[in-house]
Amino acid sequence: MTLTRNDFVELDKNDPMAHFADEFHIPEGVIYLDGNSLGAMPKKAMARARKVIEQEWGHDLIKSWNKAGWFNLIEKLGDKTATLIGANKGEVIHCDSTGLNLHKLVAAALDMRPDRKVIVMEGSNFPTDNYMVQGLIRQLGRGHEIRFAEDGEILGAISDDVAVVCLTHVHYKTGHLHDMDAITKKAHDVGALAIWDLCHSAGALPVDLNGSNVDMAVGCTYKYLNGGPGSQAFVFVAKRHQGTAVQPLTGWWSHEAPFAFERDYRPRTDIRQMSTGTEPILSLAVSEVGLDIFMRADMDEIRKKSLKLTDLFMQLIEEQLDGYDFKIVTPMQHDRRGSQVSISCNNGFPIMQALIEAGVVGDFRAPDIMRFGFTPLYVSYVNMWDAVERLRNIMENGSWDRPEFKQVGAVT
């Protein structure tokens, strides 16, 4: 059956999640399909920032560390995030960046498996994860090595010489989704630990870390969780490892008694040992606004809408853009994809720039991937129709070939 725009309008009328879109600021005329890179701003974020700046900082000054709960904010936000990723209270905190947290976790895990030297990672993974582990190996100088494996090769790469399996749950470029249960089980079967990067899955689909018996995990808050640019990452350590896994960046916030100001370090034995130093309170406070929206949403409904949005988008691409140089590289199977659609195209960069100029915001990842991220809280069904229509117009009139769309900026 041929789809029409009215079909998408009807889907929006019957969407139980449609009301959440009113809680986000999206500029008029913009179809925002880049929430997998930077989430949209919750409307209440400005008021929260103003309160922190004017009242908590401006008026209450240093008293706010206690009065406004600044010092415990990393744990407060962590407990909220735990409900989205299948963790328990006291297993998650917000702190630092994804890269720094990954460094901490891999270092701690390697210390827990001192007789093993191999770390399994996906070679095409987002570069920061690979770079951080490569740097850690050089720093340790103990003969560790990375065994790179791609999707479909990973289970075979996990053998009894592996200390850590460190993977991103949803691939940043293609959007393929790894089987967390199967991979974690294989890691444990050979005596290794499993660390997962949830940057492209937290807030996009249901995650059950404890159900999968995951050891440790990291994730960011500025994508699907709508925490704001550069907002703090989060770190998960299963209760069974707390007090055993000691991270190496032993700053004062992870000390057993930080305000005792002792000369020597004594690690805490709870999740706070994974923190390092004083965190940016303004950023943390603003990121709570996005989390609070999730506290009222149903992750199963989010996933249901995400799969419907991506199904329809891919169907429209195939129906309305047949004959153009577009190849969908995101898996069609529901259990194999996250909440994005990635399209391979030789002229992907200028086409994406032309599309952004037309009010449809996605992004480009070298060498040839156009990425479209779908955040069900604020992306509508009719957005799918209108986005593909604008893309078809760009291809038909050839406007993507204009010189200004081929100028590469610092961020793609």
Protein backbone atom coordinates (compact mmCIF):
# COMPACT_ATOMS: atom_id res chain seq x y z
CA MET A 1 0.00 0.00 0.00
CA THR A 2 1.35 3.42 -0.96
CA LEU A 3 1.79 5.73 2.00
CA THR A 4 0.45 9.32 2.02
CA ARG A 5 1.13 12.26 4.27
CA ASN A 6 -2.32 11.81 5.82
CA ASP A 7 -1.26 8.38 7.06
CA PHE A 8 1.48 10.06 9.10
CA VAL A 9 -0.87 12.75 10.38
CA GLU A 10 -3.18 10.01 11.66
CA LEU A 11 -0.31 8.24 13.39
CA ASP A 12 0.51 11.47 15.24
CA LYS A 13 -3.10 11.87 16.33
CA ASN A 14 -2.99 8.44 17.95
CA ASP A 15 0.54 8.70 19.38
CA PRO A 16 0.49 8.33 23.20
CA MET A 17 3.87 10.07 23.38
CA ALA A 18 3.03 13.09 21.23
CA HIS A 19 2.51 15.40 24.21
CA PHE A 20 6.17 15.14 25.24
CA ALA A 21 7.19 17.21 22.20
CA ASP A 22 5.69 20.29 23.86
CA GLU A 23 8.38 20.05 26.54
CA PHE A 24 11.24 20.68 24.09
CA HIS A 25 12.37 23.75 22.19
CA ILE A 26 12.56 23.00 18.46
CA PRO A 27 12.87 26.04 16.14
CA GLU A 28 9.92 26.69 13.87
CA GLY A 29 10.18 24.81 10.58
CA VAL A 30 13.03 22.55 11.73
CA ILE A 31 12.83 18.77 11.64
CA TYR A 32 15.47 17.71 14.15
CA LEU A 33 16.91 14.27 13.41
CA ASP A 34 20.23 14.65 15.21
CA GLY A 35 19.28 13.72 18.77
CA ASN A 36 21.81 10.88 18.53
CA SER A 37 24.51 13.57 18.50
CA LEU A 38 23.01 16.39 20.59
CA GLY A 39 19.57 16.21 22.16
CA ALA A 40 17.13 19.09 21.92
CA MET A 41 16.82 21.55 24.79
CA PRO A 42 14.02 20.93 27.32
CA LYS A 43 12.04 24.15 27.76
CA LYS A 44 12.52 24.06 31.54
CA ALA A 45 16.31 23.96 31.21
CA MET A 46 16.57 27.76 31.04
CA ALA A 47 14.63 28.23 34.28
CA ARG A 48 16.76 25.60 36.00
CA ALA A 49 19.97 27.27 34.86
CA ARG A 50 18.68 30.65 36.01
CA LYS A 51 17.84 29.28 39.46
CA VAL A 52 21.29 27.74 39.88
CA ILE A 53 23.02 30.93 38.75
CA GLU A 54 20.88 33.55 40.44
CA GLN A 55 19.69 31.83 43.62
CA GLU A 56 21.95 28.92 44.44
CA TRP A 57 25.22 30.49 43.32
CA GLY A 58 24.38 34.19 43.29
CA HIS A 59 22.53 34.41 46.62
CA ASP A 60 23.33 31.30 48.64
CA LEU A 61 26.93 31.09 47.48
CA ILE A 62 28.98 28.29 49.03
CA LYS A 63 26.09 27.25 51.29
CA SER A 64 24.56 25.58 48.24
CA TRP A 65 26.97 22.66 48.47
CA ASN A 66 24.77 21.53 51.36
CA LYS A 67 21.59 23.61 51.06
CA ALA A 68 20.99 22.87 47.35
CA GLY A 69 22.52 19.40 47.47
CA TRP A 70 25.33 20.17 45.04
CA PHE A 71 27.77 17.70 46.58
CA ASN A 72 25.40 14.73 46.24
CA LEU A 73 24.04 15.68 42.81
CA ILE A 74 26.19 13.11 41.04
CA GLU A 75 24.51 10.32 43.00
CA LYS A 76 21.01 11.81 42.76
CA LEU A 77 21.23 11.92 38.97
CA GLY A 78 22.85 8.50 38.89
CA ASP A 79 19.92 6.93 40.71
CA LYS A 80 17.52 8.43 38.16
CA THR A 81 19.60 7.19 35.24
CA ALA A 82 19.77 3.75 36.85
CA THR A 83 16.03 3.34 36.28
CA LEU A 84 16.58 3.75 32.51
CA ILE A 85 19.42 1.28 32.13
CA GLY A 86 18.41 -1.62 34.35
CA ALA A 87 20.63 -0.73 37.30
CA ASN A 88 19.93 -0.37 41.02
CA LYS A 89 20.31 2.65 43.25
CA GLY A 90 23.89 3.13 44.27
CA GLU A 91 25.27 1.65 41.04
CA VAL A 92 25.41 4.78 38.83
CA ILE A 93 26.85 8.27 39.20
CA HIS A 94 27.21 11.22 36.82
CA CYS A 95 30.76 12.51 36.45
CA ASP A 96 33.47 13.49 33.99
CA SER A 97 33.32 12.53 30.29
CA THR A 98 32.67 9.21 28.59
CA GLY A 99 36.33 8.88 27.62
CA LEU A 100 37.64 9.52 31.13
CA ASN A 101 35.13 7.13 32.63
CA LEU A 102 36.07 4.44 30.13
CA HIS A 103 39.72 4.92 31.06
CA LYS A 104 38.84 4.42 34.73
CA LEU A 105 36.75 1.31 34.16
CA VAL A 106 39.15 -0.49 31.82
CA ALA A 107 42.07 0.26 34.15
CA ALA A 108 40.11 -1.10 37.13
CA ALA A 109 39.01 -4.17 35.18
CA LEU A 110 42.55 -4.97 34.05
CA ASP A 111 43.70 -4.84 37.66
CA MET A 112 40.97 -7.36 38.48
CA ARG A 113 42.35 -9.72 35.79
CA PRO A 114 46.13 -9.24 36.26
CA ASP A 115 47.16 -12.44 34.46
CA ARG A 116 45.36 -11.59 31.20
CA LYS A 117 46.55 -9.16 28.56
CA VAL A 118 43.85 -8.98 25.85
CA ILE A 119 41.05 -6.42 25.48
CA VAL A 120 38.40 -7.12 22.84
CA MET A 121 37.05 -4.04 21.09
CA GLU A 122 35.28 -3.18 17.83
CA GLY A 123 37.75 -1.58 15.44
CA SER A 124 35.13 0.62 13.78
CA ASN A 125 33.87 1.81 17.14
CA PHE A 126 33.67 5.54 17.99
CA PRO A 127 37.35 6.53 18.07
CA THR A 128 37.47 7.94 21.61
CA ASP A 129 36.93 4.50 23.15
CA ASN A 130 39.74 2.96 21.12
CA TYR A 131 42.04 5.95 21.67
CA MET A 132 41.53 5.92 25.44
CA VAL A 133 42.33 2.23 25.73
CA GLN A 134 45.35 2.57 23.44
CA GLY A 135 46.62 5.39 25.66
CA LEU A 136 45.98 3.36 28.80
CA ILE A 137 47.97 0.43 27.40
CA ARG A 138 50.93 2.71 26.69
CA GLN A 139 50.67 4.20 30.16
CA LEU A 140 50.53 0.84 31.93
CA GLY A 141 53.38 -0.70 29.93
CA ARG A 142 52.43 -4.21 31.01
CA GLY A 143 52.11 -5.84 27.60
CA HIS A 144 48.37 -5.49 27.06
CA GLU A 145 46.96 -5.58 23.55
CA ILE A 146 43.66 -4.83 21.84
CA ARG A 147 42.06 -7.55 19.77
CA PHE A 148 39.86 -5.71 17.29
CA ALA A 149 36.83 -7.52 15.92
CA GLU A 150 33.88 -6.33 13.87
CA ASP A 151 30.17 -7.10 14.12
CA GLY A 152 29.72 -10.84 13.58
CA GLU A 153 33.28 -11.63 14.70
CA ILE A 154 33.09 -10.62 18.34
CA LEU A 155 31.95 -13.87 19.98
CA GLY A 156 34.72 -15.71 18.18
CA ALA A 157 37.30 -13.21 19.43
CA ILE A 158 36.46 -13.83 23.10
CA SER A 159 38.81 -16.56 24.33
CA ASP A 160 40.32 -17.49 27.67
CA ASP A 161 43.21 -15.05 27.31
CA VAL A 162 40.80 -12.05 27.33
CA ALA A 163 40.69 -9.78 30.37
CA VAL A 164 38.02 -7.33 29.20
CA VAL A 165 35.42 -7.10 26.46
CA CYS A 166 34.72 -3.40 25.86
CA LEU A 167 32.05 -2.56 23.30
CA THR A 168 29.55 0.12 22.36
CA HIS A 169 26.01 -1.21 22.59
CA VAL A 170 24.77 0.65 19.48
CA HIS A 171 27.34 1.44 16.79
CA TYR A 172 27.64 5.20 16.32
CA LYS A 173 27.94 5.05 12.54
CA THR A 174 25.78 2.19 11.30
CA GLY A 175 23.34 1.98 14.19
CA HIS A 176 23.72 -1.80 14.57
CA LEU A 177 22.79 -3.14 18.01
CA HIS A 178 24.93 -5.76 19.73
CA ASP A 179 23.47 -8.67 21.68
CA MET A 180 24.41 -7.59 25.20
CA ASP A 181 23.18 -10.83 26.80
CA ALA A 182 25.11 -13.18 24.52
CA ILE A 183 28.36 -11.20 24.48
CA THR A 184 28.40 -10.63 28.24
CA LYS A 185 27.72 -14.31 28.86
CA LYS A 186 30.55 -15.34 26.54
CA ALA A 187 32.90 -12.95 28.35
CA HIS A 188 31.96 -14.44 31.72
CA ASP A 189 32.22 -17.99 30.40
CA VAL A 190 35.92 -17.43 29.68
CA GLY A 191 36.53 -15.47 32.88
CA ALA A 192 36.61 -11.97 31.35
CA LEU A 193 34.76 -8.82 32.40
CA ALA A 194 32.26 -6.97 30.21
CA ILE A 195 32.20 -3.17 29.88
CA TRP A 196 29.52 -1.52 27.72
CA ASP A 197 29.35 1.99 26.27
CA LEU A 198 25.69 3.11 26.27
CA CYS A 199 26.12 6.47 24.52
CA HIS A 200 23.77 5.52 21.68
CA SER A 201 21.34 3.36 23.64
CA ALA A 202 20.64 5.08 27.00
CA GLY A 203 17.35 6.90 26.55
CA ALA A 204 16.81 5.40 23.10
CA LEU A 205 15.87 1.85 23.98
CA PRO A 206 15.36 -0.32 27.07
CA VAL A 207 18.66 -1.44 28.60
CA ASP A 208 18.92 -4.05 31.37
CA LEU A 209 22.46 -4.04 32.70
CA ASN A 210 21.76 -6.19 35.72
CA GLY A 211 19.50 -8.51 33.73
CA SER A 212 22.45 -9.08 31.38
CA ASN A 213 24.85 -9.39 34.35
CA VAL A 214 27.03 -6.57 32.99
CA ASP A 215 30.08 -5.70 35.08
CA MET A 216 30.56 -2.03 34.23
CA ALA A 217 29.24 0.58 31.80
CA VAL A 218 29.59 4.19 30.71
CA GLY A 219 27.36 6.53 28.76
CA CYS A 220 26.80 10.16 27.90
CA THR A 221 23.85 12.41 28.75
CA TYR A 222 23.92 14.96 25.92
CA LYS A 223 22.43 12.72 23.22
CA TYR A 224 19.10 10.95 23.81
CA LEU A 225 18.97 12.08 27.46
CA ASN A 226 18.95 15.76 26.40
CA GLY A 227 21.39 16.94 29.06
CA GLY A 228 22.95 19.78 27.05
CA PRO A 229 26.24 20.15 25.15
CA GLY A 230 29.11 18.60 27.06
CA SER A 231 26.94 17.49 29.98
CA GLN A 232 28.55 14.98 32.32
CA ALA A 233 28.70 11.31 31.44
CA PHE A 234 27.59 8.51 33.74
CA VAL A 235 29.34 5.41 35.01
CA PHE A 236 27.89 2.11 36.23
CA VAL A 237 29.61 -0.48 38.40
CA ALA A 238 27.67 -3.52 39.57
CA LYS A 239 27.41 -3.73 43.35
CA ARG A 240 29.36 -6.99 43.36
CA HIS A 241 32.45 -5.16 42.09
CA GLN A 242 32.28 -2.05 44.24
CA GLY A 243 35.20 -1.94 46.65
CA THR A 244 37.13 -4.38 44.44
CA ALA A 245 37.32 -2.35 41.24
CA VAL A 246 39.42 0.69 42.17
CA GLN A 247 39.78 3.31 39.48
CA PRO A 248 43.16 5.03 39.07
CA LEU A 249 42.14 8.72 38.88
CA THR A 250 41.99 8.96 42.64
CA GLY A 251 40.81 12.50 43.23
CA TRP A 252 39.41 13.87 46.46
CA TRP A 253 35.74 13.27 45.62
CA SER A 254 36.40 9.51 45.62
CA HIS A 255 38.17 9.55 49.00
CA GLU A 256 36.51 7.77 51.91
CA ALA A 257 36.42 11.04 53.88
CA PRO A 258 37.02 13.93 51.46
CA PHE A 259 36.64 16.67 54.05
CA ALA A 260 39.05 15.04 56.47
CA PHE A 261 41.81 16.25 54.11
CA GLU A 262 44.09 13.34 54.90
CA ARG A 263 47.50 13.15 53.27
CA ASP A 264 47.06 9.66 51.83
CA TYR A 265 44.33 8.30 49.64
CA ARG A 266 41.71 5.90 51.03
CA PRO A 267 39.21 4.79 48.41
CA ARG A 268 35.50 4.70 49.04
CA THR A 269 33.96 1.28 48.62
CA ASP A 270 30.77 2.43 46.88
CA ILE A 271 29.97 3.87 43.46
CA ARG A 272 31.36 7.27 44.39
CA GLN A 273 34.87 5.84 44.17
CA MET A 274 34.42 6.24 40.41
CA SER A 275 34.28 10.02 40.71
CA THR A 276 37.42 12.14 40.62
CA GLY A 277 37.19 15.85 41.41
CA THR A 278 34.74 18.72 41.69
CA GLU A 279 32.09 18.50 38.97
CA PRO A 280 30.54 21.43 36.98
CA ILE A 281 27.35 21.97 38.99
CA LEU A 282 25.55 24.14 36.44
CA SER A 283 25.83 21.46 33.77
CA LEU A 284 24.78 18.71 36.17
CA ALA A 285 21.76 20.67 37.36
CA VAL A 286 20.54 21.45 33.86
CA SER A 287 20.93 17.83 32.76
CA GLU A 288 18.47 16.78 35.46
CA VAL A 289 15.68 18.50 33.53
CA GLY A 290 15.97 16.04 30.67
CA LEU A 291 16.18 13.11 33.07
CA ASP A 292 13.02 14.21 34.84
CA ILE A 293 11.11 14.00 31.55
CA PHE A 294 12.24 10.38 31.24
CA MET A 295 10.99 9.69 34.75
CA ARG A 296 7.47 10.24 33.35
CA ALA A 297 7.99 8.32 30.11
CA ASP A 298 7.80 4.61 29.42
CA MET A 299 10.96 3.16 27.85
CA ASP A 300 8.97 0.38 26.19
CA GLU A 301 6.73 2.97 24.52
CA ILE A 302 9.80 4.95 23.49
CA ARG A 303 11.26 1.86 21.86
CA LYS A 304 7.98 1.00 20.16
CA LYS A 305 7.76 4.46 18.61
CA SER A 306 11.45 4.47 17.71
CA LEU A 307 11.11 1.27 15.72
CA LYS A 308 7.98 2.55 13.98
CA LEU A 309 9.66 5.85 13.06
CA THR A 310 12.75 4.14 11.68
CA ASP A 311 10.69 1.52 9.84
CA LEU A 312 8.68 4.23 8.11
CA PHE A 313 11.71 6.37 7.32
CA MET A 314 13.50 3.47 5.67
CA GLN A 315 10.36 2.52 3.74
CA LEU A 316 9.99 6.07 2.42
CA ILE A 317 13.67 6.23 1.44
CA GLU A 318 13.29 3.03 -0.56
CA GLU A 319 9.99 4.05 -2.18
CA GLN A 320 10.64 7.72 -2.95
CA LEU A 321 14.39 7.80 -3.55
CA ASP A 322 14.84 4.64 -5.57
CA GLY A 323 17.43 5.18 -8.29
CA TYR A 324 19.63 7.53 -6.29
CA ASP A 325 22.93 6.57 -4.71
CA PHE A 326 21.44 5.71 -1.32
CA LYS A 327 22.15 2.49 0.55
CA ILE A 328 20.64 1.93 3.98
CA VAL A 329 23.34 0.37 6.16
CA THR A 330 21.35 0.21 9.39
CA PRO A 331 19.97 -3.31 10.00
CA MET A 332 16.31 -3.81 9.15
CA GLN A 333 15.76 -6.30 11.99
CA HIS A 334 14.29 -4.70 15.10
CA ASP A 335 16.59 -6.58 17.46
CA ARG A 336 19.65 -5.46 15.50
CA ARG A 337 19.27 -1.69 15.38
CA GLY A 338 19.24 1.28 17.70
CA SER A 339 17.29 4.49 17.11
CA GLN A 340 18.96 5.83 13.99
CA VAL A 341 19.04 5.26 10.25
CA SER A 342 22.37 5.52 8.47
CA ILE A 343 22.59 5.90 4.72
CA SER A 344 25.73 5.35 2.66
CA CYS A 345 26.11 7.82 -0.24
CA ASN A 346 29.14 8.97 -2.24
CA ASN A 347 27.97 12.61 -2.08
CA GLY A 348 26.66 12.30 1.45
CA PHE A 349 28.39 15.37 2.84
CA PRO A 350 27.01 18.02 0.44
CA ILE A 351 23.61 16.33 0.40
CA MET A 352 23.44 16.53 4.18
CA GLN A 353 24.49 20.19 4.14
CA ALA A 354 21.77 20.96 1.61
CA LEU A 355 19.25 19.06 3.72
CA ILE A 356 20.22 21.02 6.83
CA GLU A 357 19.77 24.23 4.84
CA ALA A 358 16.27 22.95 3.98
CA GLY A 359 15.46 22.54 7.68
CA VAL A 360 16.11 18.82 8.17
CA VAL A 361 18.99 18.44 10.62
CA GLY A 362 21.01 15.23 10.54
CA ASP A 363 24.78 14.82 10.35
CA PHE A 364 27.58 13.19 8.36
CA ARG A 365 30.24 10.71 9.38
CA ALA A 366 33.20 10.05 7.10
CA PRO A 367 33.70 8.62 4.66
CA ASP A 368 30.15 8.35 3.29
CA ILE A 369 27.49 8.05 6.02
CA MET A 370 24.49 10.34 6.44
CA ARG A 371 23.04 9.79 9.91
CA PHE A 372 19.48 10.42 11.03
CA GLY A 373 18.71 10.03 14.73
CA PHE A 374 15.18 9.55 16.03
CA THR A 375 14.26 10.77 19.50
CA PRO A 376 10.66 9.62 20.04
CA LEU A 377 10.01 12.21 22.74
CA TYR A 378 9.99 15.04 20.21
CA VAL A 379 10.13 13.56 16.69
CA SER A 380 6.71 13.15 15.07
CA TYR A 381 5.54 10.72 12.42
CA VAL A 382 4.75 13.48 9.94
CA ASN A 383 8.37 14.59 10.34
CA MET A 384 9.29 11.40 8.48
CA TRP A 385 7.20 12.28 5.46
CA ASP A 386 8.31 15.90 5.34
CA ALA A 387 12.00 15.04 5.79
CA VAL A 388 12.02 12.55 2.92
CA GLU A 389 10.04 14.95 0.72
CA ARG A 390 12.65 17.68 1.28
CA LEU A 391 15.42 15.20 0.56
CA ARG A 392 13.71 14.12 -2.66
CA ASN A 393 13.38 17.75 -3.76
CA ILE A 394 17.09 18.31 -3.15
CA MET A 395 17.97 15.30 -5.25
CA GLU A 396 15.57 16.17 -8.06
CA ASN A 397 16.66 19.80 -8.40
CA GLY A 398 20.37 19.03 -7.83
CA SER A 399 20.76 21.84 -5.30
CA TRP A 400 23.09 19.65 -3.20
CA ASP A 401 25.78 20.16 -5.88
CA ARG A 402 26.19 23.87 -5.11
CA PRO A 403 29.74 24.89 -4.04
CA GLU A 404 28.72 26.20 -0.61
CA PHE A 405 27.51 22.73 0.43
CA LYS A 406 30.92 21.24 -0.23
CA GLN A 407 32.74 23.49 2.25
CA VAL A 408 33.77 21.33 5.21
CA GLY A 409 33.54 22.97 8.64
CA ALA A 410 35.24 21.95 11.88
CA VAL A 411 32.24 19.78 12.83
CA THR A 412 30.40 17.59 10.33
